Amino acid sequence: MSVENKIKIKSWARRAGAVLLTVLANMTASSTSMRVRLT
């Protein structure tokens, strides 16, 4: 493993983590809004 590959993997993992966090936040927000609508 070269240093460049490690840096690329780190940046890619960070980007994927950010996307996952935003998707999770959107899912929780939509689920809470749906709960509010149901009640």
PDB file of N, CA and C in Angstrom:
ATOM      1  N   MET A   1       0.848  -1.199   0.000  1.00  0.00           N
ATOM      2  CA  MET A   1       0.000   0.000   0.000  1.00  0.00           C
ATOM      3  C   MET A   1       0.884   1.249   0.000  1.00  0.00           C
ATOM      4  N   SER A   2       0.694   2.087  -0.975  1.00  0.00           N
ATOM      5  CA  SER A   2       1.463   3.328  -1.020  1.00  0.00           C
ATOM      6  C   SER A   2       0.756   4.405  -0.197  1.00  0.00           C
ATOM      7  N   VAL A   3       1.484   5.460   0.085  1.00  0.00           N
ATOM      8  CA  VAL A   3       0.890   6.541   0.887  1.00  0.00           C
ATOM      9  C   VAL A   3      -0.264   7.188   0.129  1.00  0.00           C
ATOM     10  N   GLU A   4      -0.110   7.325  -1.187  1.00  0.00           N
ATOM     11  CA  GLU A   4      -1.185   7.952  -1.973  1.00  0.00           C
ATOM     12  C   GLU A   4      -2.471   7.150  -1.863  1.00  0.00           C
ATOM     13  N   ASN A   5      -2.367   5.822  -1.959  1.00  0.00           N
ATOM     14  CA  ASN A   5      -3.570   5.000  -1.854  1.00  0.00           C
ATOM     15  C   ASN A   5      -4.213   5.164  -0.489  1.00  0.00           C
ATOM     16  N   LYS A   6      -3.394   5.221   0.564  1.00  0.00           N
ATOM     17  CA  LYS A   6      -3.961   5.387   1.906  1.00  0.00           C
ATOM     18  C   LYS A   6      -4.704   6.709   2.016  1.00  0.00           C
ATOM     19  N   ILE A   7      -4.107   7.771   1.469  1.00  0.00           N
ATOM     20  CA  ILE A   7      -4.765   9.083   1.535  1.00  0.00           C
ATOM     21  C   ILE A   7      -6.060   9.048   0.732  1.00  0.00           C
ATOM     22  N   LYS A   8      -6.027   8.410  -0.435  1.00  0.00           N
ATOM     23  CA  LYS A   8      -7.252   8.330  -1.247  1.00  0.00           C
ATOM     24  C   LYS A   8      -8.340   7.583  -0.489  1.00  0.00           C
ATOM     25  N   ILE A   9      -7.975   6.458   0.123  1.00  0.00           N
ATOM     26  CA  ILE A   9      -8.978   5.664   0.852  1.00  0.00           C
ATOM     27  C   ILE A   9      -9.526   6.469   2.025  1.00  0.00           C
ATOM     28  N   LYS A  10      -8.635   7.213   2.696  1.00  0.00           N
ATOM     29  CA  LYS A  10      -9.104   7.999   3.846  1.00  0.00           C
ATOM     30  C   LYS A  10     -10.101   9.059   3.400  1.00  0.00           C
ATOM     31  N   SER A  11      -9.771   9.793   2.322  1.00  0.00           N
ATOM     32  CA  SER A  11     -10.682  10.838   1.846  1.00  0.00           C
ATOM     33  C   SER A  11     -11.989  10.220   1.355  1.00  0.00           C
ATOM     34  N   TRP A  12     -11.899   9.073   0.674  1.00  0.00           N
ATOM     35  CA  TRP A  12     -13.123   8.423   0.184  1.00  0.00           C
ATOM     36  C   TRP A  12     -13.982   7.966   1.350  1.00  0.00           C
ATOM     37  N   ALA A  13     -13.347   7.396   2.380  1.00  0.00           N
ATOM     38  CA  ALA A  13     -14.108   6.934   3.546  1.00  0.00           C
ATOM     39  C   ALA A  13     -14.757   8.116   4.248  1.00  0.00           C
ATOM     40  N   ARG A  14     -14.035   9.229   4.342  1.00  0.00           N
ATOM     41  CA  ARG A  14     -14.620  10.403   4.998  1.00  0.00           C
ATOM     42  C   ARG A  14     -15.822  10.893   4.215  1.00  0.00           C
ATOM     43  N   ARG A  15     -15.703  10.915   2.871  1.00  0.00           N
ATOM     44  CA  ARG A  15     -16.825  11.366   2.042  1.00  0.00           C
ATOM     45  C   ARG A  15     -18.010  10.420   2.206  1.00  0.00           C
ATOM     46  N   ALA A  16     -17.743   9.105   2.181  1.00  0.00           N
ATOM     47  CA  ALA A  16     -18.827   8.133   2.328  1.00  0.00           C
ATOM     48  C   ALA A  16     -19.478   8.275   3.699  1.00  0.00           C
ATOM     49  N   GLY A  17     -18.674   8.522   4.733  1.00  0.00           N
ATOM     50  CA  GLY A  17     -19.235   8.699   6.075  1.00  0.00           C
ATOM     51  C   GLY A  17     -20.138   9.923   6.133  1.00  0.00           C
ATOM     52  N   ALA A  18     -19.723  11.008   5.495  1.00  0.00           N
ATOM     53  CA  ALA A  18     -20.546  12.213   5.498  1.00  0.00           C
ATOM     54  C   ALA A  18     -21.866  11.953   4.784  1.00  0.00           C
ATOM     55  N   VAL A  19     -21.808  11.246   3.653  1.00  0.00           N
ATOM     56  CA  VAL A  19     -23.045  10.937   2.920  1.00  0.00           C
ATOM     57  C   VAL A  19     -23.957  10.070   3.779  1.00  0.00           C
ATOM     58  N   LEU A  20     -23.367   9.071   4.450  1.00  0.00           N
ATOM     59  CA  LEU A  20     -24.184   8.200   5.302  1.00  0.00           C
ATOM     60  C   LEU A  20     -24.825   9.005   6.420  1.00  0.00           C
ATOM     61  N   LEU A  21     -24.075   9.933   7.012  1.00  0.00           N
ATOM     62  CA  LEU A  21     -24.626  10.740   8.103  1.00  0.00           C
ATOM     63  C   LEU A  21     -25.791  11.589   7.602  1.00  0.00           C
ATOM     64  N   THR A  22     -25.648  12.205   6.423  1.00  0.00           N
ATOM     65  CA  THR A  22     -26.731  13.031   5.905  1.00  0.00           C
ATOM     66  C   THR A  22     -27.960  12.181   5.595  1.00  0.00           C
ATOM     67  N   VAL A  23     -27.741  10.992   5.025  1.00  0.00           N
ATOM     68  CA  VAL A  23     -28.877  10.107   4.722  1.00  0.00           C
ATOM     69  C   VAL A  23     -29.569   9.696   6.015  1.00  0.00           C
ATOM     70  N   LEU A  24     -28.783   9.349   7.036  1.00  0.00           N
ATOM     71  CA  LEU A  24     -29.386   8.960   8.316  1.00  0.00           C
ATOM     72  C   LEU A  24     -30.162  10.131   8.909  1.00  0.00           C
ATOM     73  N   ALA A  25     -29.606  11.335   8.832  1.00  0.00           N
ATOM     74  CA  ALA A  25     -30.300  12.505   9.378  1.00  0.00           C
ATOM     75  C   ALA A  25     -31.605  12.740   8.629  1.00  0.00           C
ATOM     76  N   ASN A  26     -31.575  12.613   7.294  1.00  0.00           N
ATOM     77  CA  ASN A  26     -32.798  12.797   6.513  1.00  0.00           C
ATOM     78  C   ASN A  26     -33.834  11.733   6.873  1.00  0.00           C
ATOM     79  N   MET A  27     -33.388  10.485   7.048  1.00  0.00           N
ATOM     80  CA  MET A  27     -34.327   9.414   7.382  1.00  0.00           C
ATOM     81  C   MET A  27     -34.960   9.665   8.745  1.00  0.00           C
ATOM     82  N   THR A  28     -34.165  10.052   9.733  1.00  0.00           N
ATOM     83  CA  THR A  28     -34.716  10.298  11.066  1.00  0.00           C
ATOM     84  C   THR A  28     -35.666  11.495  11.030  1.00  0.00           C
ATOM     85  N   ALA A  29     -35.311  12.534  10.283  1.00  0.00           N
ATOM     86  CA  ALA A  29     -36.181  13.708  10.201  1.00  0.00           C
ATOM     87  C   ALA A  29     -37.503  13.341   9.543  1.00  0.00           C
ATOM     88  N   SER A  30     -37.457  12.573   8.454  1.00  0.00           N
ATOM     89  CA  SER A  30     -38.692  12.199   7.762  1.00  0.00           C
ATOM     90  C   SER A  30     -39.530  11.283   8.645  1.00  0.00           C
ATOM     91  N   SER A  31     -38.898  10.371   9.380  1.00  0.00           N
ATOM     92  CA  SER A  31     -39.659   9.457  10.235  1.00  0.00           C
ATOM     93  C   SER A  31     -40.320  10.237  11.366  1.00  0.00           C
ATOM     94  N   THR A  32     -39.619  11.212  11.949  1.00  0.00           N
ATOM     95  CA  THR A  32     -40.219  11.990  13.028  1.00  0.00           C
ATOM     96  C   THR A  32     -41.369  12.830  12.488  1.00  0.00           C
ATOM     97  N   SER A  33     -41.215  13.421  11.296  1.00  0.00           N
ATOM     98  CA  SER A  33     -42.303  14.214  10.725  1.00  0.00           C
ATOM     99  C   SER A  33     -43.498  13.316  10.425  1.00  0.00           C
ATOM    100  N   MET A  34     -43.247  12.088   9.958  1.00  0.00           N
ATOM    101  CA  MET A  34     -44.355  11.172   9.692  1.00  0.00           C
ATOM    102  C   MET A  34     -45.058  10.823  10.999  1.00  0.00           C
ATOM    103  N   ARG A  35     -44.302  10.619  12.071  1.00  0.00           N
ATOM    104  CA  ARG A  35     -44.919  10.330  13.362  1.00  0.00           C
ATOM    105  C   ARG A  35     -45.784  11.502  13.804  1.00  0.00           C
ATOM    106  N   VAL A  36     -45.287  12.711  13.588  1.00  0.00           N
ATOM    107  CA  VAL A  36     -46.071  13.885  13.990  1.00  0.00           C
ATOM    108  C   VAL A  36     -47.361  13.935  13.180  1.00  0.00           C
ATOM    109  N   ARG A  37     -47.288  13.590  11.898  1.00  0.00           N
ATOM    110  CA  ARG A  37     -48.493  13.619  11.067  1.00  0.00           C
ATOM    111  C   ARG A  37     -49.482  12.551  11.527  1.00  0.00           C
ATOM    112  N   LEU A  38     -48.956  11.364  11.898  1.00  0.00           N
ATOM    113  CA  LEU A  38     -49.855  10.271  12.288  1.00  0.00           C
ATOM    114  C   LEU A  38     -50.600  10.606  13.572  1.00  0.00           C
ATOM    115  N   THR A  39     -49.908  11.270  14.514  1.00  0.00           N
ATOM    116  CA  THR A  39     -50.570  11.546  15.794  1.00  0.00           C
ATOM    117  C   THR A  39     -51.490  12.738  15.682  1.00  0.00           C
TER     118      THR A  39
END
